[in-house]
Protein backbone atom coordinates (compact mmCIF):
# COMPACT_ATOMS: atom_id res chain seq x y z
CA MET A 1 -85.97 -79.36 67.14
CA PRO A 2 -86.74 -82.87 68.57
CA VAL A 3 -86.81 -84.67 65.34
CA LEU A 4 -86.01 -88.35 65.03
CA LEU A 5 -82.70 -87.63 62.87
CA ASN A 6 -79.50 -85.79 63.48
CA PRO A 7 -79.85 -82.38 61.81
CA TRP A 8 -76.01 -82.03 62.01
CA ALA A 9 -76.36 -84.71 58.94
CA ILE A 10 -78.08 -82.71 56.71
CA TYR A 11 -76.33 -79.50 57.73
CA ASP A 12 -72.87 -80.69 57.34
CA SER A 13 -73.99 -82.08 53.89
CA PRO A 14 -71.92 -80.93 50.85
CA LEU A 15 -75.15 -79.30 49.60
CA ILE A 16 -76.16 -77.44 52.33
CA SER A 17 -72.83 -76.79 54.23
CA TRP A 18 -74.33 -74.64 57.13
CA ASP A 19 -72.26 -73.66 59.20
CA PRO A 20 -74.20 -71.72 62.10
CA HIS A 21 -72.10 -69.61 64.52
CA PRO A 22 -72.06 -70.50 68.55
CA ALA A 23 -75.16 -68.50 69.46
CA GLN A 24 -77.52 -70.84 67.43
CA GLU A 25 -75.65 -73.55 68.00
CA LEU A 26 -76.75 -73.08 71.34
CA VAL A 27 -80.58 -73.74 70.13
CA LEU A 28 -80.02 -76.04 67.94
CA GLU A 29 -78.65 -78.39 70.64
CA SER A 30 -81.12 -77.41 73.22
CA GLN A 31 -83.70 -80.37 74.61
CA ALA A 32 -86.10 -77.74 75.66
CA ARG A 33 -89.41 -77.71 73.91
CA HIS A 34 -89.77 -73.85 74.01
CA LYS A 35 -86.74 -71.98 73.11
CA VAL A 36 -86.49 -67.81 73.22
CA TRP A 37 -83.56 -66.39 71.26
CA CYS A 38 -83.56 -62.92 72.21
CA ALA A 39 -81.68 -61.40 69.71
CA GLY A 40 -80.17 -58.06 68.18
CA ARG A 41 -80.38 -57.03 64.48
CA ARG A 42 -78.33 -59.17 61.93
CA THR A 43 -78.06 -61.96 64.38
CA GLY A 44 -79.15 -64.29 61.98
CA LYS A 45 -82.62 -64.93 63.35
CA SER A 46 -84.30 -65.54 59.92
CA ASP A 47 -81.57 -68.05 59.27
CA LEU A 48 -81.92 -69.91 62.23
CA GLY A 49 -85.83 -70.33 61.76
CA GLY A 50 -85.71 -71.40 58.55
CA HIS A 51 -82.88 -73.86 58.92
CA VAL A 52 -84.86 -75.81 61.93
CA LEU A 53 -87.26 -76.69 59.97
CA LEU A 54 -85.32 -78.57 57.25
CA PRO A 55 -85.01 -81.70 59.41
CA GLU A 56 -88.62 -82.27 60.29
CA ALA A 57 -89.31 -82.00 56.41
CA ILE A 58 -86.36 -84.84 55.68
CA TYR A 59 -87.77 -86.86 58.72
CA THR A 60 -91.01 -86.56 57.51
CA ARG A 61 -90.55 -88.04 54.26
CA SER A 62 -89.74 -91.66 56.66
CA VAL A 63 -93.05 -91.55 58.34
CA ALA A 64 -95.33 -90.22 55.76
CA ASP A 65 -97.40 -92.96 54.43
CA GLU A 66 -98.48 -93.49 58.37
CA TRP A 67 -99.20 -89.86 58.64
CA ARG A 68 -101.72 -89.81 55.54
CA ARG A 69 -103.03 -93.46 56.58
CA GLN A 70 -104.59 -91.85 59.73
CA GLY A 71 -105.37 -89.10 57.77
CA LYS A 72 -102.76 -86.36 59.16
CA ALA A 73 -100.46 -84.18 58.47
CA ARG A 74 -97.20 -82.96 60.30
CA ILE A 75 -98.10 -79.13 59.91
CA PHE A 76 -95.80 -76.04 60.89
CA TRP A 77 -96.21 -72.62 61.10
CA ILE A 78 -94.44 -69.06 60.38
CA VAL A 79 -95.96 -66.90 62.79
CA SER A 80 -95.48 -62.91 62.51
CA ASP A 81 -96.75 -59.31 62.98
CA GLU A 82 -96.76 -59.29 58.86
CA TYR A 83 -96.75 -61.65 56.05
CA SER A 84 -93.59 -59.90 55.20
CA THR A 85 -91.77 -60.72 58.22
CA ALA A 86 -92.57 -64.34 58.60
CA GLU A 87 -91.87 -64.60 54.82
CA LYS A 88 -87.68 -64.12 55.85
CA GLU A 89 -87.72 -67.59 57.55
CA PHE A 90 -89.79 -68.71 54.86
CA ARG A 91 -87.60 -67.79 52.46
CA VAL A 92 -84.88 -69.58 53.48
CA ILE A 93 -86.71 -73.19 54.03
CA TRP A 94 -87.95 -72.56 50.32
CA HIS A 95 -84.54 -71.93 49.24
CA LEU A 96 -83.56 -75.48 51.13
CA CYS A 97 -86.07 -77.55 49.55
CA ASN A 98 -84.95 -76.24 46.31
CA LEU A 99 -81.79 -76.67 46.90
CA LEU A 100 -81.88 -80.55 48.03
CA GLU A 101 -84.55 -80.88 45.18
CA LEU A 102 -87.34 -81.97 47.20
CA PRO A 103 -90.16 -82.80 45.33
CA LEU A 104 -92.65 -79.80 46.45
CA ASP A 105 -96.38 -80.80 45.83
CA LYS A 106 -97.96 -79.08 42.79
CA PRO A 107 -100.71 -77.87 43.77
CA GLY A 108 -99.93 -76.95 47.59
CA SER A 109 -96.76 -75.39 47.19
CA TYR A 110 -96.76 -71.30 46.86
CA TYR A 111 -94.47 -68.34 47.35
CA ASP A 112 -96.31 -65.52 46.74
CA ALA A 113 -94.82 -62.79 49.34
CA VAL A 114 -97.09 -59.90 48.26
CA GLY A 115 -100.34 -61.71 48.64
CA GLY A 116 -99.06 -63.48 51.56
CA ASN A 117 -99.85 -66.95 50.04
CA MET A 118 -96.92 -69.05 51.09
CA HIS A 119 -97.16 -72.51 52.05
CA ILE A 120 -94.86 -75.43 51.57
CA SER A 121 -96.22 -79.17 51.01
CA LEU A 122 -94.05 -82.12 50.78
CA TRP A 123 -94.64 -85.89 50.58
CA ASN A 124 -98.22 -85.71 49.45
CA GLY A 125 -99.40 -83.26 51.87
CA ALA A 126 -97.63 -85.05 55.13
CA PHE A 127 -95.21 -82.40 55.98
CA GLN A 128 -96.77 -78.72 55.37
CA VAL A 129 -95.21 -74.85 56.68
CA HIS A 130 -97.90 -72.10 56.27
CA CYS A 131 -97.06 -68.45 57.12
CA GLN A 132 -99.44 -67.07 59.00
CA SER A 133 -100.06 -62.95 60.20
CA ALA A 134 -100.78 -62.39 63.73
CA LYS A 135 -102.88 -59.63 62.63
CA TYR A 136 -105.61 -61.69 61.64
CA PRO A 137 -106.46 -63.82 64.59
CA ASP A 138 -109.44 -65.21 63.06
CA HIS A 139 -106.98 -67.18 60.42
CA LEU A 140 -104.66 -68.74 63.27
CA VAL A 141 -107.21 -71.72 63.29
CA GLY A 142 -106.86 -75.09 61.85
CA GLU A 143 -105.55 -78.68 62.93
CA ALA A 144 -102.92 -79.46 65.68
CA LEU A 145 -99.41 -78.07 65.28
CA CYS A 146 -95.96 -79.97 65.49
CA GLY A 147 -94.03 -77.10 65.60
CA VAL A 148 -94.30 -72.81 65.48
CA ILE A 149 -91.43 -70.56 64.81
CA MET A 150 -92.94 -67.17 66.71
CA ALA A 151 -90.77 -64.49 64.22
CA GLU A 152 -90.63 -60.85 65.73
CA ALA A 153 -92.35 -62.65 68.70
CA ALA A 154 -92.24 -59.24 70.88
CA LYS A 155 -94.03 -57.51 68.33
CA ALA A 156 -97.40 -59.62 68.26
CA LYS A 157 -100.17 -59.72 71.29
CA PRO A 158 -99.61 -61.59 74.10
CA SER A 159 -103.05 -63.41 73.13
CA ILE A 160 -101.79 -64.85 70.13
CA TRP A 161 -99.65 -66.70 71.72
CA HIS A 162 -102.02 -67.78 74.37
CA ARG A 163 -105.14 -68.10 72.96
CA PHE A 164 -104.09 -69.18 69.37
CA ILE A 165 -100.92 -70.97 69.11
CA ARG A 166 -100.13 -72.88 72.40
CA PRO A 167 -103.31 -75.16 72.70
CA MET A 168 -102.52 -75.90 69.18
CA LEU A 169 -99.29 -77.58 70.25
CA ASN A 170 -100.83 -80.10 72.97
CA ASP A 171 -101.93 -82.70 70.75
CA TYR A 172 -98.72 -83.81 69.30
CA LYS A 173 -95.96 -82.00 71.72
CA GLY A 174 -95.26 -79.54 69.28
CA TRP A 175 -92.30 -77.33 69.79
CA SER A 176 -91.75 -73.61 69.79
CA LEU A 177 -89.24 -71.15 68.70
CA HIS A 178 -89.25 -67.53 69.48
CA THR A 179 -87.27 -65.26 67.82
CA SER A 180 -87.35 -61.40 68.24
CA THR A 181 -85.25 -58.20 69.43
CA PRO A 182 -86.70 -56.79 72.35
CA LEU A 183 -89.05 -54.29 72.68
CA GLY A 184 -89.45 -53.38 76.61
CA HIS A 185 -90.56 -55.60 79.39
CA ASN A 186 -93.77 -57.36 77.51
CA HIS A 187 -95.02 -60.87 76.94
CA PHE A 188 -91.84 -61.58 74.98
CA TYR A 189 -89.83 -61.08 78.06
CA ASP A 190 -91.84 -63.27 80.40
CA LYS A 191 -91.37 -65.95 78.14
CA PHE A 192 -87.48 -65.16 78.24
CA GLN A 193 -87.69 -65.11 82.06
CA MET A 194 -89.47 -68.63 81.86
CA GLY A 195 -86.44 -69.91 79.80
CA GLN A 196 -83.78 -68.71 82.38
CA ASP A 197 -85.60 -70.38 85.09
CA ILE A 198 -83.59 -73.40 85.89
CA TYR A 199 -86.27 -75.56 87.33
CA ASN A 200 -88.39 -74.65 84.38
CA THR A 201 -86.78 -77.66 82.13
CA GLU A 202 -90.07 -77.03 79.23
CA TRP A 203 -88.01 -73.73 78.28
CA GLU A 204 -85.13 -72.00 77.58
CA SER A 205 -83.70 -68.82 76.56
CA TRP A 206 -80.65 -67.06 75.20
CA ARG A 207 -79.98 -63.33 74.95
CA VAL A 208 -77.72 -62.93 71.60
CA PRO A 209 -76.27 -59.52 71.02
CA SER A 210 -75.77 -58.21 67.32
CA TRP A 211 -72.20 -58.95 67.71
CA TYR A 212 -72.05 -62.47 68.80
CA ASN A 213 -72.21 -63.36 65.00
CA PRO A 214 -68.76 -63.70 63.41
CA TYR A 215 -70.01 -63.31 59.78
CA VAL A 216 -71.25 -59.51 59.84
CA PHE A 217 -68.94 -58.18 63.28
CA THR A 218 -65.71 -60.24 62.22
CA ASP A 219 -63.99 -58.37 64.89
CA GLU A 220 -63.66 -59.92 68.25
CA THR A 221 -66.35 -58.24 70.80
CA LEU A 222 -66.52 -58.59 74.30
CA ASP A 223 -69.44 -58.21 76.09
CA ARG A 224 -67.50 -56.31 79.10
CA ASP A 225 -65.69 -54.07 76.61
CA VAL A 226 -68.96 -52.89 75.43
CA LYS A 227 -70.31 -52.59 78.93
CA SER A 228 -67.10 -50.39 79.98
CA LEU A 229 -67.46 -48.57 76.69
CA LEU A 230 -71.01 -47.49 77.50
CA LEU A 231 -70.21 -46.46 81.38
CA THR A 232 -67.56 -44.66 80.13
CA LEU A 233 -69.34 -42.75 77.43
CA ASP A 234 -71.88 -41.76 79.84
CA GLY A 235 -68.94 -39.99 82.06
CA ALA A 236 -67.19 -39.02 80.00
CA PRO A 237 -69.40 -37.43 77.05
CA GLY A 238 -66.44 -35.52 75.07
CA LEU A 239 -64.68 -38.68 74.04
CA SER A 240 -66.02 -40.66 71.19
CA ALA A 241 -66.51 -44.16 71.06
CA PHE A 242 -63.25 -44.77 68.92
CA GLU A 243 -61.45 -42.57 71.30
CA ILE A 244 -62.26 -44.84 74.25
CA ALA A 245 -61.61 -47.98 72.85
CA GLU A 246 -58.52 -47.02 71.38
CA ARG A 247 -57.07 -45.50 75.10
CA ASP A 248 -58.71 -48.12 76.97
CA GLY A 249 -57.18 -50.96 74.81
CA LEU A 250 -61.26 -52.64 74.43
CA HIS A 251 -62.08 -55.61 72.12
CA ILE A 252 -65.19 -54.10 69.64
CA ASP A 253 -65.71 -54.38 66.01
CA ASN A 254 -65.89 -50.92 64.52
CA GLU A 255 -68.83 -51.23 63.10
CA ILE A 256 -69.93 -51.93 66.54
CA LEU A 257 -68.48 -48.80 67.34
CA GLN A 258 -69.71 -46.77 64.97
CA LEU A 259 -73.54 -47.61 66.09
CA VAL A 260 -72.35 -46.62 69.35
CA GLU A 261 -71.79 -43.73 68.02
CA GLU A 262 -75.16 -43.15 65.70
CA LEU A 263 -77.69 -44.87 67.95
CA PRO A 264 -79.14 -43.30 71.13
CA PRO A 265 -78.13 -45.25 73.97
CA GLU A 266 -81.50 -46.85 74.62
CA LEU A 267 -82.04 -47.71 71.07
CA PHE A 268 -78.44 -49.10 71.14
CA ALA A 269 -79.11 -51.53 74.11
CA GLN A 270 -82.21 -52.60 72.47
CA GLU A 271 -81.45 -53.08 68.63
CA ILE A 272 -78.05 -54.33 69.33
CA GLY A 273 -77.56 -55.45 72.58
CA ALA A 274 -80.52 -57.19 72.60
CA ASP A 275 -81.36 -55.51 76.12
CA PHE A 276 -85.00 -55.17 77.17
CA THR A 277 -84.67 -51.84 77.76
CA GLU A 278 -87.34 -49.25 79.52
CA PHE A 279 -85.36 -46.17 80.25
CA ALA A 280 -88.30 -43.44 80.51
CA GLY A 281 -88.06 -41.76 83.92
CA GLN A 282 -86.07 -45.13 85.36
CA VAL A 283 -84.37 -44.64 88.43
CA PHE A 284 -81.79 -47.31 88.32
CA LYS A 285 -80.76 -47.16 84.11
CA ASP A 286 -77.90 -48.64 85.08
CA PHE A 287 -79.60 -51.89 86.14
CA ASP A 288 -79.30 -54.65 83.83
CA GLU A 289 -80.72 -58.10 83.81
CA ALA A 290 -77.86 -59.63 81.79
CA TYR A 291 -75.26 -58.60 84.30
CA HIS A 292 -76.99 -57.91 87.68
CA VAL A 293 -79.05 -61.37 88.08
CA GLY A 294 -78.03 -64.85 88.27
CA ASP A 295 -78.69 -67.70 89.83
CA LEU A 296 -76.14 -67.20 93.40
CA ARG A 297 -76.28 -69.80 96.49
CA TYR A 298 -75.77 -68.76 99.93
CA ASN A 299 -71.65 -69.22 101.01
CA PRO A 300 -71.23 -69.87 104.50
CA GLU A 301 -67.90 -67.68 104.18
CA TRP A 302 -69.40 -64.66 103.71
CA GLU A 303 -70.88 -61.96 105.74
CA THR A 304 -74.60 -62.41 106.08
CA TYR A 305 -77.14 -59.38 106.79
CA ALA A 306 -80.91 -58.32 106.18
CA ALA A 307 -82.88 -55.35 105.61
CA THR A 308 -85.88 -54.23 105.62
CA ASP A 309 -88.92 -52.09 104.07
CA TYR A 310 -92.48 -52.06 106.46
CA GLY A 311 -95.76 -51.78 105.49
CA PHE A 312 -99.05 -53.27 106.09
CA THR A 313 -101.46 -52.07 102.86
CA ASN A 314 -97.87 -51.62 101.58
CA PRO A 315 -95.98 -54.70 101.51
CA ASN A 316 -93.35 -55.59 103.97
CA VAL A 317 -90.15 -56.41 102.58
CA TRP A 318 -87.31 -58.59 104.16
CA LEU A 319 -84.00 -59.01 101.90
CA LEU A 320 -81.58 -61.43 102.95
CA ILE A 321 -77.76 -60.28 101.43
CA GLN A 322 -74.43 -61.39 101.94
CA VAL A 323 -71.12 -59.21 101.41
CA GLY A 324 -68.00 -61.01 99.96
CA PRO A 325 -64.08 -60.72 100.84
CA TRP A 326 -64.19 -57.97 97.93
CA GLN A 327 -67.59 -56.06 99.08
CA GLU A 328 -69.28 -58.12 96.31
CA ILE A 329 -73.24 -57.74 97.38
CA ASN A 330 -75.38 -60.94 96.49
CA VAL A 331 -79.26 -60.41 97.35
CA LEU A 332 -80.24 -63.98 97.76
CA ALA A 333 -84.04 -63.96 98.84
CA GLU A 334 -86.57 -61.63 99.70
CA ILE A 335 -90.05 -61.51 101.26
CA HIS A 336 -92.30 -59.14 99.61
CA GLU A 337 -96.08 -59.39 101.23
CA SER A 338 -98.51 -56.79 102.03
CA GLY A 339 -101.03 -57.61 105.18
CA LEU A 340 -98.47 -58.25 107.83
CA THR A 341 -98.37 -57.08 110.97
CA ALA A 342 -94.47 -57.15 112.64
CA ASP A 343 -95.40 -60.22 114.39
CA LYS A 344 -96.92 -61.83 111.87
CA PHE A 345 -94.16 -60.79 109.58
CA ALA A 346 -91.30 -62.11 111.77
CA GLU A 347 -92.99 -65.87 111.59
CA GLU A 348 -92.91 -65.49 108.33
CA ILE A 349 -89.24 -64.75 108.37
CA LYS A 350 -88.95 -68.07 110.56
CA ARG A 351 -91.68 -70.00 108.70
CA ARG A 352 -89.00 -69.23 105.20
CA HIS A 353 -85.77 -69.99 107.08
CA LEU A 354 -84.40 -66.45 105.81
CA ASN A 355 -82.94 -66.09 109.94
CA PRO A 356 -79.89 -68.13 108.87
CA PRO A 357 -77.64 -68.99 112.16
CA ASP A 358 -74.91 -66.30 111.08
CA LEU A 359 -77.08 -63.44 110.76
CA GLU A 360 -76.74 -61.42 113.94
CA VAL A 361 -77.47 -57.65 112.14
CA PHE A 362 -80.39 -56.16 110.06
CA PHE A 363 -80.47 -53.35 108.36
CA PRO A 364 -84.31 -51.57 109.19
CA ASP A 365 -86.66 -48.65 108.10
CA PRO A 366 -86.12 -46.25 110.78
CA ALA A 367 -89.76 -44.91 110.11
CA ASP A 368 -91.10 -48.15 112.53
CA PRO A 369 -89.07 -48.17 115.59
CA MET A 370 -91.56 -50.45 117.00
CA SER A 371 -91.71 -53.27 114.31
CA THR A 372 -88.03 -53.39 114.59
CA ARG A 373 -88.31 -53.89 118.35
CA THR A 374 -90.43 -56.66 117.65
CA LEU A 375 -88.31 -58.40 114.79
CA GLN A 376 -85.45 -57.80 117.16
CA ASP A 377 -87.01 -59.55 119.86
CA LYS A 378 -88.68 -62.44 117.74
CA LEU A 379 -85.58 -63.33 115.74
CA LYS A 380 -82.98 -62.67 118.32
CA ILE A 381 -80.93 -60.45 115.77
CA ARG A 382 -79.64 -56.93 116.11
CA PRO A 383 -80.52 -54.09 114.61
CA ALA A 384 -78.20 -51.50 112.93
CA ALA A 385 -78.31 -47.75 113.16
CA LYS A 386 -77.96 -45.00 110.68
CA THR A 387 -79.96 -45.88 108.13
CA GLY A 388 -82.14 -43.16 107.25
CA GLY A 389 -80.79 -40.08 106.00
CA GLU A 390 -81.55 -38.25 102.39
CA LEU A 391 -83.13 -40.69 99.82
CA TYR A 392 -81.00 -39.45 96.94
CA ILE A 393 -77.72 -40.88 99.27
CA ARG A 394 -79.22 -44.34 99.26
CA ILE A 395 -80.63 -44.15 95.58
CA ASN A 396 -76.92 -42.92 94.20
CA LEU A 397 -75.22 -45.90 96.46
CA ILE A 398 -76.96 -48.63 94.88
CA ARG A 399 -76.00 -46.83 91.54
CA GLN A 400 -72.65 -46.74 92.67
CA ALA A 401 -72.68 -50.07 93.13
CA LEU A 402 -74.56 -51.05 90.14
CA ARG A 403 -72.25 -49.29 87.78
CA LYS A 404 -68.97 -50.59 89.60
CA GLY A 405 -68.78 -53.72 86.51
CA ARG A 406 -65.34 -54.86 87.69
CA ILE A 407 -64.39 -56.07 91.43
CA ASP A 408 -61.50 -54.51 92.50
CA ARG A 409 -58.87 -57.75 93.10
CA ASP A 410 -55.72 -58.13 94.90
CA ALA A 411 -53.35 -58.99 92.31
CA SER A 412 -51.76 -61.50 94.56
CA MET A 413 -55.35 -63.68 94.64
CA LEU A 414 -55.47 -63.54 90.40
CA THR A 415 -54.04 -66.68 88.55
CA GLU A 416 -53.87 -68.42 84.92
CA ASP A 417 -57.66 -69.99 85.86
CA ASN A 418 -59.39 -66.96 87.31
CA ALA A 419 -57.59 -63.68 85.79
CA ASP A 420 -60.37 -63.32 83.33
CA VAL A 421 -63.08 -63.86 85.64
CA TRP A 422 -65.56 -60.68 86.92
CA ARG A 423 -68.73 -59.56 87.95
CA PRO A 424 -70.95 -56.84 88.96
CA GLN A 425 -70.51 -55.35 92.96
CA LEU A 426 -74.42 -55.52 93.06
CA MET A 427 -76.01 -58.99 92.06
CA ILE A 428 -79.68 -60.20 92.70
CA ASP A 429 -80.62 -63.96 93.07
CA ARG A 430 -83.13 -64.66 89.49
CA ARG A 431 -85.68 -67.48 91.07
CA ASN A 432 -85.88 -66.03 94.88
CA CYS A 433 -86.10 -62.12 94.21
CA PRO A 434 -88.47 -61.83 91.85
CA ARG A 435 -90.38 -58.81 92.87
CA MET A 436 -87.07 -57.30 93.55
CA ARG A 437 -86.23 -57.42 90.29
CA GLU A 438 -89.44 -55.94 88.81
CA GLU A 439 -89.05 -53.03 91.34
CA MET A 440 -85.45 -51.96 90.09
CA LEU A 441 -86.65 -51.77 86.86
CA ALA A 442 -90.00 -50.29 87.38
CA TYR A 443 -88.82 -47.53 89.78
CA ARG A 444 -89.97 -44.61 88.45
CA TYR A 445 -89.08 -40.28 88.44
CA PRO A 446 -92.69 -38.83 87.44
CA GLU A 447 -93.06 -38.29 83.49
CA ARG A 448 -95.88 -35.76 83.97
CA LYS A 449 -95.35 -32.67 86.21
CA GLU A 450 -99.23 -33.46 87.51
CA ASP A 451 -97.43 -36.61 89.01
CA ALA A 452 -95.35 -34.44 91.07
CA GLN A 453 -96.31 -31.92 93.61
CA THR A 454 -93.07 -29.61 93.23
CA SER A 455 -91.05 -29.04 89.97
CA LEU A 456 -88.15 -30.39 91.84
CA GLU A 457 -90.16 -33.53 92.54
CA ARG A 458 -90.39 -34.47 89.38
CA PHE A 459 -86.58 -34.69 88.76
CA GLU A 460 -84.98 -35.65 91.99
CA ASN A 461 -88.03 -37.83 94.12
CA PRO A 462 -89.30 -40.66 92.63
CA LEU A 463 -92.93 -42.03 92.56
CA LYS A 464 -93.79 -43.55 95.91
CA LYS A 465 -94.51 -46.83 93.96
CA ASP A 466 -92.18 -50.17 93.07
CA ASP A 467 -90.08 -48.56 95.59
CA HIS A 468 -90.04 -51.16 98.49
CA ALA A 469 -87.32 -53.53 97.93
CA PRO A 470 -85.00 -50.54 96.45
CA GLU A 471 -85.87 -48.80 99.83
CA ALA A 472 -84.89 -52.32 101.81
CA LEU A 473 -81.52 -52.16 99.63
CA GLY A 474 -80.93 -48.54 100.28
CA ARG A 475 -81.15 -48.72 104.16
CA PHE A 476 -78.80 -51.51 103.88
CA MET A 477 -76.22 -49.34 101.62
CA VAL A 478 -76.37 -46.75 103.47
CA GLY A 479 -76.05 -48.34 107.19
CA TYR A 480 -73.18 -50.53 105.58
CA PHE A 481 -71.04 -48.77 103.71
CA GLY A 482 -72.10 -45.21 105.44
CA ASP A 483 -73.01 -41.87 103.50
CA GLY A 484 -69.55 -40.71 102.95
CA THR A 485 -68.45 -43.85 100.93
CA LEU A 486 -70.63 -42.21 97.78
CA LEU A 487 -67.92 -41.25 95.82
CA ASP A 488 -67.22 -40.60 92.23
CA MET A 489 -68.53 -43.33 89.86
CA GLY A 490 -65.40 -45.95 89.75
CA THR A 491 -63.76 -44.87 92.82
CA ARG A 492 -62.81 -47.86 94.91
CA ILE A 493 -65.09 -47.97 98.44
CA THR A 494 -62.21 -48.38 101.12
CA ARG A 495 -63.42 -49.71 103.93
CA ALA A 496 -67.03 -50.70 105.30
CA LYS A 497 -68.45 -49.52 108.53
CA ILE A 498 -71.26 -51.16 110.06
CA ARG A 499 -73.20 -48.95 113.36
CA VAL A 500 -74.85 -51.42 115.70
CA GLY A 501 -76.42 -48.96 119.10
CA SER A 502 -73.55 -46.76 119.42
CA LYS A 503 -70.61 -49.42 118.85
CA LYS A 504 -68.39 -49.09 115.50
CA ARG A 505 -67.52 -52.64 113.84
CA LYS A 506 -64.58 -52.10 111.75
CA GLY A 507 -62.04 -55.14 110.01
CA LEU A 508 -65.52 -56.96 108.77
CA PHE A 509 -63.78 -58.16 105.42
CA LYS A 510 -62.28 -61.72 105.64
CA ARG A 511 -59.30 -61.50 103.29
CA GLY A 512 -57.68 -63.97 101.71
CA LYS A 513 -61.01 -66.38 100.19
CA PRO A 514 -60.29 -67.80 97.04
CA LEU A 515 -61.40 -65.59 94.05
CA GLY A 516 -63.51 -68.26 92.53
CA SER A 517 -66.08 -67.54 95.84
CA MET A 518 -67.04 -64.63 93.42
CA ILE A 519 -68.77 -66.18 91.05
CA PRO A 520 -72.20 -67.26 91.21
CA VAL A 521 -72.84 -70.59 90.30
CA LYS A 522 -76.12 -72.73 89.53
CA SER A 523 -77.74 -74.66 92.34
CA GLY A 524 -80.24 -76.88 92.18
CA PHE A 525 -81.61 -76.22 96.17
CA PRO A 526 -80.92 -72.91 97.95
CA ASP A 527 -78.42 -73.65 100.99
CA TRP A 528 -80.38 -71.56 103.24
CA ARG A 529 -83.57 -73.83 103.06
CA GLU A 530 -81.72 -76.52 104.77
CA TRP A 531 -81.40 -74.82 107.84
CA GLN A 532 -83.71 -75.77 109.34
């Protein structure tokens, strides 16, 4: 945390001798003011929270006289849904203070976990730590804070942070550390996303599955092997996790394998994998922001396309899409706006420079041929044919791309430097496609009979809600790859065909590109913004 001394000199001291694991080190070394640690069970959330307060306590000794002279104190809170939860972090800092024989103020320092009276006071009150419960908002008032730990932050009401905690950090530019196991797409998820925004330097966030803690899960466990195991189990329910791991040579700790066996998939993803899981009726259950969302950039050597879903009351959607040499699909940018006529829609596409010079073909919504003609005339881009058909085919083509966890590679392309590089076939840009990311998660089947006209629709036809970006992506998938490529999961798509009018264009893939071009990288400014 931002204290004016080297915390590692304290952690490495003989009395403390704390050796944080690599995922904890990322937090300790980050310069962000607000940090979000989305972590699975047994990752050391409480240990991390308690230790970040120790350098603050020791630093305060050097400035205690000045703070007391001004009648102020450096105050830190540990806030959680229950006092018993906040006690875990408090226990760590209390133990560290006693280990170093720091002179706890008496009175002023109390450790009553049952009654919720947990306070630390040092240097005649210049440094203070108080445990607070989010169940009692009226208690969340006081002086300005120098820092706060929001323990199990996902369980607190969103108003706790916005109404009570955040304003008290203003005076001293106080820091915050939000640690929690995820709980669906709630306010904790929103904070995590702020930390993923490379342009928001105030926030930084990390996703930490349980197996990142080598002190608990001692055998090497690889993210991609866990992902592969879960996908294989979904398609081969007759095999156990242990059998699949042994058969496929997966690097997974035995305790993790046991948890895969014991827990429902959704619960494992949330509690162990630290995923923001909401699977009830979700159309794209395989969509995982940890794998399918990245900081992408325009690649001038890849093929460039666009896809649409038309609306007026409903939003008009325009997706800018690139396809790589091994059929990697990158959705780079979106327009997702209501109230646009076809003419205004075309103007908005040009205004945002989402019609780059190498974009020659777009995949339209066939339900509105007049809008397609308007875009064709104003943008000078040809519409592809065969973008309709059955909805389930388009949905399953997207699912097929989501499930392809590794891109098939020509062995001659592999080198010692890139042999371990992999990526999902379908990826979506983090910053420039916010509505598409939301809809990929929110697109649902009816959960109640009254939400569907027939019993068949309840299980086969999703709700006509949050479907606009997936519809546009589905138009691209069926128009580019064709419905004949809807194969068994895991089967390689052999060759794509794109139909423009009555002509078929084959041989679209430009082979021989360096494998490194497949890797999404962070860029300070998207290239397509500079085209015009």
